[in-house]
Protein backbone atom coordinates (compact mmCIF):
# COMPACT_ATOMS: atom_id res chain seq x y z
CA UNK A 1 -12.44 -7.45 -8.42
CA UNK A 2 -12.99 -3.90 -9.62
CA UNK A 3 -15.79 -5.19 -11.84
CA UNK A 4 -17.60 -6.41 -8.70
CA UNK A 5 -17.53 -2.95 -7.13
CA UNK A 6 -20.93 -1.85 -5.73
CA UNK A 7 -21.12 1.32 -7.81
CA UNK A 8 -24.89 1.75 -7.67
CA UNK A 9 -24.88 1.37 -3.89
CA UNK A 10 -22.03 3.84 -3.44
CA UNK A 11 -23.38 6.52 -5.74
CA UNK A 12 -26.84 5.94 -4.28
CA UNK A 13 -25.54 6.67 -0.79
CA UNK A 14 -23.92 9.88 -1.96
CA UNK A 15 -27.02 11.07 -3.82
CA UNK A 16 -29.37 10.18 -0.95
CA UNK A 17 -27.23 12.29 1.40
CA UNK A 18 -27.13 15.10 -1.17
CA UNK A 19 -30.89 15.18 -1.51
CA UNK A 20 -31.36 15.14 2.26
CA UNK A 21 -28.93 18.04 2.74
CA UNK A 22 -30.01 20.12 -0.25
CA UNK A 23 -26.99 19.66 -2.53
CA UNK A 24 -27.68 19.82 -6.27
CA UNK A 25 -24.11 18.93 -7.24
CA UNK A 26 -20.89 17.82 -5.60
CA UNK A 27 -17.55 18.76 -7.16
CA UNK A 28 -14.91 16.26 -6.05
CA UNK A 29 -11.29 17.34 -6.40
CA UNK A 30 -9.56 14.71 -4.29
CA UNK A 31 -8.53 11.43 -5.92
CA UNK A 32 -10.08 9.26 -3.17
CA UNK A 33 -13.41 11.08 -3.41
CA UNK A 34 -13.37 10.61 -7.17
CA UNK A 35 -12.59 6.91 -6.77
CA UNK A 36 -15.51 6.40 -4.40
CA UNK A 37 -17.92 8.20 -6.73
CA UNK A 38 -16.73 6.75 -10.05
CA UNK A 39 -14.57 3.66 -9.48
CA UNK A 40 -11.54 5.27 -11.11
CA UNK A 41 -8.40 6.25 -9.20
CA UNK A 42 -6.87 9.17 -11.12
CA UNK A 43 -3.16 9.24 -11.81
CA UNK A 44 -3.03 13.03 -11.99
CA UNK A 45 -4.37 15.44 -9.34
CA UNK A 46 -5.93 17.53 -12.12
CA UNK A 47 -8.79 15.02 -12.38
CA UNK A 48 -12.20 16.15 -11.11
CA UNK A 49 -15.57 14.46 -10.81
CA UNK A 50 -19.07 15.93 -10.60
CA UNK A 51 -21.95 14.14 -8.92
CA UNK A 52 -25.49 15.44 -9.53
CA UNK A 53 -28.24 14.79 -7.00
CA UNK A 54 -29.84 12.63 -9.69
CA UNK A 55 -28.30 10.95 -12.70
CA UNK A 56 -24.82 9.79 -13.62
CA UNK A 57 -21.53 10.92 -12.17
CA UNK A 58 -19.20 12.70 -14.58
CA UNK A 59 -15.46 12.03 -14.51
CA UNK A 60 -13.16 14.69 -16.00
CA UNK A 61 -9.62 13.58 -16.81
CA UNK A 62 -6.88 14.58 -19.22
CA UNK A 63 -6.27 12.79 -22.51
CA UNK A 64 -3.42 11.01 -20.71
CA UNK A 65 -5.99 9.06 -18.68
CA UNK A 66 -9.21 9.12 -20.64
CA UNK A 67 -8.83 5.70 -22.25
CA UNK A 68 -8.05 4.00 -18.92
CA UNK A 69 -10.89 5.87 -17.24
CA UNK A 70 -13.36 4.73 -19.89
CA UNK A 71 -12.25 1.11 -19.52
CA UNK A 72 -12.21 1.02 -15.71
CA UNK A 73 -15.43 2.83 -14.86
CA UNK A 74 -18.94 1.35 -15.04
CA UNK A 75 -21.24 2.31 -17.89
CA UNK A 76 -23.15 4.66 -15.59
CA UNK A 77 -20.15 7.00 -15.33
CA UNK A 78 -19.71 9.61 -18.07
CA UNK A 79 -16.05 10.29 -18.93
CA UNK A 80 -14.98 13.64 -20.38
CA UNK A 81 -11.45 14.62 -21.33
CA UNK A 82 -9.39 17.79 -21.37
CA UNK A 83 -6.26 18.55 -23.35
CA UNK A 84 -2.81 17.40 -22.18
CA UNK A 85 0.70 17.36 -23.66
CA UNK A 86 0.37 13.70 -24.65
CA UNK A 87 0.27 12.86 -28.37
CA UNK A 88 -2.38 10.19 -28.92
CA UNK A 89 -2.73 9.39 -32.60
CA UNK A 90 -6.20 8.23 -33.63
CA UNK A 91 -5.63 8.93 -37.31
CA UNK A 92 -7.56 12.20 -37.40
CA UNK A 93 -6.08 15.62 -38.22
CA UNK A 94 -7.34 16.92 -34.88
CA UNK A 95 -5.31 14.36 -32.92
CA UNK A 96 -2.18 15.39 -34.85
CA UNK A 97 -2.33 19.07 -33.99
CA UNK A 98 0.51 20.61 -31.98
CA UNK A 99 0.36 19.90 -28.23
CA UNK A 100 1.23 22.11 -25.31
CA UNK A 101 3.57 21.21 -22.48
CA UNK A 102 1.06 20.89 -19.63
CA UNK A 103 -2.46 19.73 -18.88
CA UNK A 104 -4.85 22.55 -19.75
CA UNK A 105 -5.24 24.35 -16.38
CA UNK A 106 -8.64 25.70 -17.39
CA UNK A 107 -9.93 22.48 -18.93
CA UNK A 108 -11.48 20.72 -15.93
CA UNK A 109 -12.85 23.95 -14.48
CA UNK A 110 -14.43 24.77 -17.85
CA UNK A 111 -16.16 21.39 -18.05
CA UNK A 112 -17.41 21.72 -14.49
CA UNK A 113 -18.79 25.18 -15.16
CA UNK A 114 -20.53 23.98 -18.32
CA UNK A 115 -22.24 21.26 -16.26
CA UNK A 116 -23.30 23.63 -13.47
CA UNK A 117 -24.64 26.23 -15.88
CA UNK A 118 -26.76 23.95 -18.02
CA UNK A 119 -29.75 25.24 -16.08
CA UNK A 120 -30.33 27.65 -13.19
CA UNK A 121 -29.04 26.26 -9.90
CA UNK A 122 -31.79 25.22 -7.49
CA UNK A 123 -29.65 23.83 -4.66
CA UNK A 124 -26.20 24.03 -3.12
CA UNK A 125 -22.99 23.05 -4.90
CA UNK A 126 -20.80 21.00 -2.59
CA UNK A 127 -17.02 21.40 -2.52
CA UNK A 128 -14.58 19.95 -0.03
CA UNK A 129 -13.29 23.32 1.16
CA UNK A 130 -10.27 21.88 2.91
CA UNK A 131 -8.95 20.35 -0.32
CA UNK A 132 -10.02 22.48 -3.29
CA UNK A 133 -7.16 24.40 -4.91
CA UNK A 134 -7.23 28.18 -5.06
CA UNK A 135 -6.85 28.39 -8.86
CA UNK A 136 -9.75 25.99 -9.42
CA UNK A 137 -11.85 27.76 -6.78
CA UNK A 138 -11.23 31.15 -8.34
CA UNK A 139 -12.33 29.82 -11.73
CA UNK A 140 -15.59 28.52 -10.26
CA UNK A 141 -16.44 31.61 -8.24
CA UNK A 142 -15.47 33.86 -11.15
CA UNK A 143 -18.62 32.70 -12.94
CA UNK A 144 -20.88 31.42 -10.16
CA UNK A 145 -21.51 33.48 -6.99
CA UNK A 146 -19.70 32.09 -3.97
CA UNK A 147 -23.00 31.96 -2.06
CA UNK A 148 -24.03 28.92 -4.13
CA UNK A 149 -21.18 26.81 -2.72
CA UNK A 150 -21.08 24.90 0.57
CA UNK A 151 -18.62 22.57 2.25
CA UNK A 152 -19.43 18.89 1.65
CA UNK A 153 -16.50 17.37 3.59
CA UNK A 154 -18.66 15.89 6.35
CA UNK A 155 -21.12 14.42 3.87
CA UNK A 156 -18.27 12.59 2.12
CA UNK A 157 -17.06 11.19 5.44
CA UNK A 158 -20.50 10.11 6.63
CA UNK A 159 -21.41 8.12 3.52
CA UNK A 160 -18.29 5.96 3.99
CA UNK A 161 -18.84 4.97 7.60
CA UNK A 162 -20.90 1.92 6.64
CA UNK A 163 -19.08 -0.17 4.05
CA UNK A 164 -20.60 -2.00 1.10
CA UNK A 165 -19.98 -5.76 0.75
CA UNK A 166 -17.35 -5.05 -1.92
CA UNK A 167 -15.51 -2.58 0.29
CA UNK A 168 -15.55 -5.13 3.11
CA UNK A 169 -14.02 -7.74 0.81
CA UNK A 170 -11.27 -5.32 -0.27
CA UNK A 171 -10.44 -4.31 3.28
CA UNK A 172 -10.37 -7.91 4.48
CA UNK A 173 -8.01 -8.86 1.66
CA UNK A 174 -5.75 -5.84 2.19
CA UNK A 175 -5.46 -6.50 5.93
CA UNK A 176 -4.80 -10.22 5.58
CA UNK A 177 -2.17 -9.75 2.88
CA UNK A 178 -0.41 -7.19 5.08
CA UNK A 179 -0.48 -9.66 7.97
CA UNK A 180 1.22 -12.28 5.81
CA UNK A 181 3.97 -9.84 4.88
CA UNK A 182 4.50 -8.79 8.50
CA UNK A 183 5.04 -12.43 9.41
CA UNK A 184 7.60 -12.82 6.63
CA UNK A 185 9.43 -9.67 7.70
CA UNK A 186 9.44 -10.72 11.36
CA UNK A 187 10.89 -14.12 10.44
CA UNK A 188 13.78 -12.39 8.65
CA UNK A 189 14.76 -9.98 11.43
CA UNK A 190 18.24 -10.68 12.77
CA UNK A 191 20.76 -8.93 15.02
CA UNK A 192 23.31 -7.05 12.93
CA UNK A 193 20.80 -6.17 10.20
CA UNK A 194 20.81 -2.53 9.00
CA UNK A 195 17.66 -0.69 9.98
CA UNK A 196 16.90 0.31 6.38
CA UNK A 197 16.66 -3.35 5.44
CA UNK A 198 13.37 -3.77 7.33
CA UNK A 199 11.64 -1.49 4.83
CA UNK A 200 13.34 -3.30 1.95
CA UNK A 201 12.11 -6.65 3.30
CA UNK A 202 8.57 -5.33 3.37
CA UNK A 203 8.80 -4.25 -0.27
CA UNK A 204 10.43 -7.57 -1.22
CA UNK A 205 7.81 -9.81 0.42
CA UNK A 206 4.95 -7.58 -0.72
CA UNK A 207 6.19 -7.92 -4.29
CA UNK A 208 6.27 -11.71 -3.98
CA UNK A 209 2.66 -11.79 -2.83
CA UNK A 210 1.75 -9.30 -5.51
CA UNK A 211 3.12 -11.63 -8.20
CA UNK A 212 0.78 -14.36 -6.93
CA UNK A 213 -2.37 -12.37 -6.21
CA UNK A 214 -2.05 -8.88 -7.68
CA UNK A 215 -3.01 -7.42 -4.32
CA UNK A 216 -0.75 -4.39 -4.08
CA UNK A 217 -1.41 -1.23 -6.04
CA UNK A 218 1.21 1.35 -6.98
CA UNK A 219 0.57 3.01 -3.67
CA UNK A 220 1.41 1.25 -0.42
CA UNK A 221 2.15 2.44 3.07
CA UNK A 222 4.68 1.00 5.48
CA UNK A 223 5.86 2.60 8.69
CA UNK A 224 8.43 1.09 11.00
CA UNK A 225 10.18 2.03 14.23
CA UNK A 226 13.13 0.08 15.54
CA UNK A 227 15.26 -0.15 18.63
CA UNK A 228 15.46 3.07 20.62
CA UNK A 229 13.63 5.03 17.92
CA UNK A 230 9.85 5.42 18.13
CA UNK A 231 9.39 7.69 15.11
CA UNK A 232 7.59 6.39 12.03
CA UNK A 233 8.86 8.95 9.56
CA UNK A 234 12.23 7.34 8.93
CA UNK A 235 15.12 5.46 10.50
CA UNK A 236 18.73 6.60 10.91
CA UNK A 237 20.40 4.73 8.07
CA UNK A 238 23.44 3.96 10.17
CA UNK A 239 21.45 2.13 12.85
CA UNK A 240 22.00 -1.63 13.19
CA UNK A 241 19.51 -3.97 14.88
CA UNK A 242 20.66 -5.70 18.03
CA UNK A 243 19.25 -8.48 20.20
CA UNK A 244 16.35 -7.21 22.30
CA UNK A 245 15.45 -4.32 19.98
CA UNK A 246 11.73 -3.67 19.69
CA UNK A 247 10.50 -3.42 16.08
CA UNK A 248 7.08 -1.97 15.32
CA UNK A 249 5.51 -2.63 11.92
CA UNK A 250 2.53 -0.41 11.16
CA UNK A 251 -0.01 0.23 8.38
CA UNK A 252 -0.12 -2.09 5.37
CA UNK A 253 -1.42 -2.72 1.88
CA UNK A 254 -3.44 -0.39 -0.28
CA UNK A 255 -5.53 -2.47 -2.64
CA UNK A 256 -7.85 -0.80 -5.15
CA UNK A 257 -7.29 2.23 -2.93
CA UNK A 258 -8.57 0.55 0.21
CA UNK A 259 -5.79 0.85 2.77
CA UNK A 260 -5.39 -1.72 5.49
CA UNK A 261 -4.05 -0.60 8.83
CA UNK A 262 -2.69 -3.20 11.22
CA UNK A 263 0.33 -3.10 13.51
CA UNK A 264 2.66 -5.68 15.02
CA UNK A 265 5.43 -5.44 17.61
CA UNK A 266 8.23 -7.99 17.80
CA UNK A 267 11.69 -8.22 19.37
CA UNK A 268 14.90 -9.06 17.56
CA UNK A 269 16.85 -12.15 18.52
CA UNK A 270 14.18 -13.79 20.67
CA UNK A 271 15.14 -11.89 23.83
CA UNK A 272 13.45 -8.97 25.59
CA UNK A 273 13.88 -7.18 28.89
CA UNK A 274 11.31 -7.66 31.63
CA UNK A 275 10.12 -4.08 31.09
CA UNK A 276 9.62 -4.59 27.36
CA UNK A 277 7.58 -7.73 27.99
CA UNK A 278 5.54 -5.97 30.66
CA UNK A 279 4.75 -3.07 28.34
CA UNK A 280 3.60 -5.42 25.59
CA UNK A 281 1.51 -7.50 27.99
CA UNK A 282 -0.11 -4.35 29.40
CA UNK A 283 -1.09 -3.13 25.95
CA UNK A 284 -2.30 -6.56 24.86
CA UNK A 285 -4.45 -7.05 27.97
CA UNK A 286 -6.13 -3.67 27.51
CA UNK A 287 -6.62 -4.32 23.80
CA UNK A 288 -8.40 -7.61 24.54
CA UNK A 289 -10.60 -5.92 27.15
CA UNK A 290 -11.58 -3.35 24.57
CA UNK A 291 -12.64 -6.01 22.10
CA UNK A 292 -15.32 -7.18 24.55
CA UNK A 293 -17.14 -3.92 23.81
CA UNK A 294 -16.72 -4.10 20.03
CA UNK A 295 -20.35 -4.76 19.12
CA UNK A 296 -23.43 -2.92 17.87
CA UNK A 297 -24.95 -0.36 20.20
CA UNK A 298 -21.80 0.37 22.20
CA UNK A 299 -20.50 3.94 22.12
CA UNK A 300 -17.03 4.54 20.74
CA UNK A 301 -16.18 6.46 23.92
CA UNK A 302 -17.04 3.43 26.08
CA UNK A 303 -14.47 1.29 24.27
CA UNK A 304 -11.91 4.10 24.49
CA UNK A 305 -12.21 4.39 28.26
CA UNK A 306 -12.23 0.63 28.76
CA UNK A 307 -8.82 0.44 27.10
CA UNK A 308 -7.37 3.58 28.65
CA UNK A 309 -8.48 2.75 32.20
CA UNK A 310 -7.04 -0.73 31.93
CA UNK A 311 -3.65 0.54 30.70
CA UNK A 312 -3.52 3.13 33.46
CA UNK A 313 -3.85 0.42 36.12
CA UNK A 314 -0.43 -0.85 35.06
CA UNK A 315 2.89 -0.27 36.83
CA UNK A 316 4.79 1.11 33.83
CA UNK A 317 2.12 3.18 32.04
CA UNK A 318 0.14 4.97 34.76
CA UNK A 319 -0.75 7.76 32.31
CA UNK A 320 -2.06 6.89 28.85
CA UNK A 321 -3.55 10.06 27.27
CA UNK A 322 -3.75 8.52 23.81
CA UNK A 323 -5.94 10.52 21.42
CA UNK A 324 -7.80 7.50 20.04
CA UNK A 325 -7.87 3.73 20.44
CA UNK A 326 -8.76 3.05 16.84
CA UNK A 327 -10.65 4.35 13.86
CA UNK A 328 -12.63 3.51 10.79
CA UNK A 329 -10.65 2.41 7.77
CA UNK A 330 -11.37 2.28 4.07
CA UNK A 331 -11.44 4.63 1.12
CA UNK A 332 -10.52 7.80 2.94
CA UNK A 333 -7.92 10.54 2.76
CA UNK A 334 -5.91 9.20 5.69
CA UNK A 335 -5.23 5.82 7.27
CA UNK A 336 -6.88 6.97 10.50
CA UNK A 337 -10.24 7.57 8.95
CA UNK A 338 -13.27 9.22 10.55
CA UNK A 339 -14.79 8.34 12.95
CA UNK A 340 -12.13 7.67 15.58
CA UNK A 341 -12.58 5.69 18.79
CA UNK A 342 -11.95 8.62 21.09
CA UNK A 343 -12.95 9.73 24.56
CA UNK A 344 -15.82 12.05 23.58
CA UNK A 345 -17.09 10.22 20.49
CA UNK A 346 -20.59 8.97 21.29
CA UNK A 347 -21.27 7.42 17.89
CA UNK A 348 -22.30 3.79 18.36
CA UNK A 349 -20.90 0.78 16.55
CA UNK A 350 -23.16 -0.47 13.75
CA UNK A 351 -23.11 -3.57 11.55
CA UNK A 352 -21.20 -2.78 8.36
CA UNK A 353 -18.55 -0.62 9.96
CA UNK A 354 -14.94 -1.72 9.46
CA UNK A 355 -12.83 -0.59 12.38
CA UNK A 356 -9.24 -0.75 13.56
CA UNK A 357 -8.67 -1.16 17.29
CA UNK A 358 -5.18 -0.33 18.56
CA UNK A 359 -3.08 0.25 21.67
CA UNK A 360 0.04 2.17 20.63
CA UNK A 361 2.81 3.32 22.97
CA UNK A 362 5.88 5.38 22.11
CA UNK A 363 8.58 6.06 24.69
CA UNK A 364 11.76 8.10 25.03
CA UNK A 365 13.78 9.95 27.65
CA UNK A 366 12.80 9.03 31.23
CA UNK A 367 10.16 6.48 30.17
CA UNK A 368 10.68 2.88 31.40
CA UNK A 369 11.64 1.72 27.89
CA UNK A 370 12.59 3.43 24.64
CA UNK A 371 11.00 2.77 21.26
CA UNK A 372 7.63 2.12 19.69
CA UNK A 373 4.92 -0.49 20.38
CA UNK A 374 1.55 -1.11 18.81
CA UNK A 375 -1.06 -3.85 18.72
CA UNK A 376 -3.65 -3.25 16.02
CA UNK A 377 -6.12 -5.34 14.06
CA UNK A 378 -9.04 -4.75 11.70
CA UNK A 379 -12.62 -5.84 12.42
CA UNK A 380 -15.99 -5.89 10.70
CA UNK A 381 -18.87 -5.05 13.01
CA UNK A 382 -21.53 -7.74 12.57
CA UNK A 383 -25.10 -8.07 13.85
CA UNK A 384 -23.98 -9.69 17.11
CA UNK A 385 -20.32 -8.74 17.52
CA UNK A 386 -17.40 -8.63 15.14
CA UNK A 387 -15.42 -10.57 12.56
CA UNK A 388 -11.66 -10.27 13.05
CA UNK A 389 -9.83 -9.83 9.74
CA UNK A 390 -6.45 -10.25 11.49
CA UNK A 391 -5.21 -11.46 14.88
CA UNK A 392 -2.30 -9.95 16.79
CA UNK A 393 0.09 -12.31 18.63
CA UNK A 394 -0.45 -12.57 22.39
CA UNK A 395 3.26 -12.08 23.10
CA UNK A 396 6.14 -10.00 21.77
CA UNK A 397 8.11 -13.07 20.65
CA UNK A 398 5.40 -14.25 18.20
CA UNK A 399 5.64 -17.86 19.42
């Protein structure tokens, strides 16, 4: 599947944006940015890539990764290596010289500087200012005046808003595989089960699918809240599931660094209080109303308010100041990728966007219920509407 990646389209989008905005080079120091520009997901954060406004991208990795990088990138990507502690014997005296104990901290910066100084700079050099490390930055600005550099963070976000056909295929696969695993986990939930076991079940069923399809990379994301706990950052290990507990399963697979993001809410033991059912039905109704506006030409803010206003008509959730009702998803730094479906976002839906639409609710204290809820699916915006990659159940029992 990696061989089918639309490299020319992706790098073409980056370079077209660079030329429009006056960037001569981009220096990419985040692994996801490097993957988008080169097709290689670095193992080590020391990797850097350089994209010129014209010509081939250059990937700079340590000797630990250079062979893999050369094999996994298209011919159009130039791979350069810097010294690491790894002994790689190629039979030459040079390869058998004594090694250090770390990756050369000056190596990548030195290669980047050599590239930038091949000729006098005519345009801006783009750096994601919110990510670049201080040591690397100091090396660059020690030889090139800081005035030559400009933040390219928004450019990198904008070029990813519309997905290529390959990205769409990866996101569809990642979402649908996650949905299968959620179903398997939900089928295994039982009263008396330790809370930590829900996470273990996710890993177990994901591994089984991975053996069949190879659809899970080293990195995967799984967030769960159970019972009275709404938090996604971890469960009290002593907690035991009981009949009527609400379990929220959120996020999903990361396949070839394209992260799916779907959410499901289910009760344990096939029983739920009237309030729990009413909360779920409220969120589901608003979610379905929102989907009626998921089509080209509609503003993100219109869909946001359609969902929020519908929820706030309910008896149990009269106030629903949720920050967003969904977001783009793909090869970004976070699961909730730019742009978000929020109240002031007047971007319009366009064919080729892949979006998550969601109606989360977390409750504690004097709220009518305690715990976490979410209904979330992934959609491709098409010429006349949307294609649903996944489909949330219309009730909390999943029957």
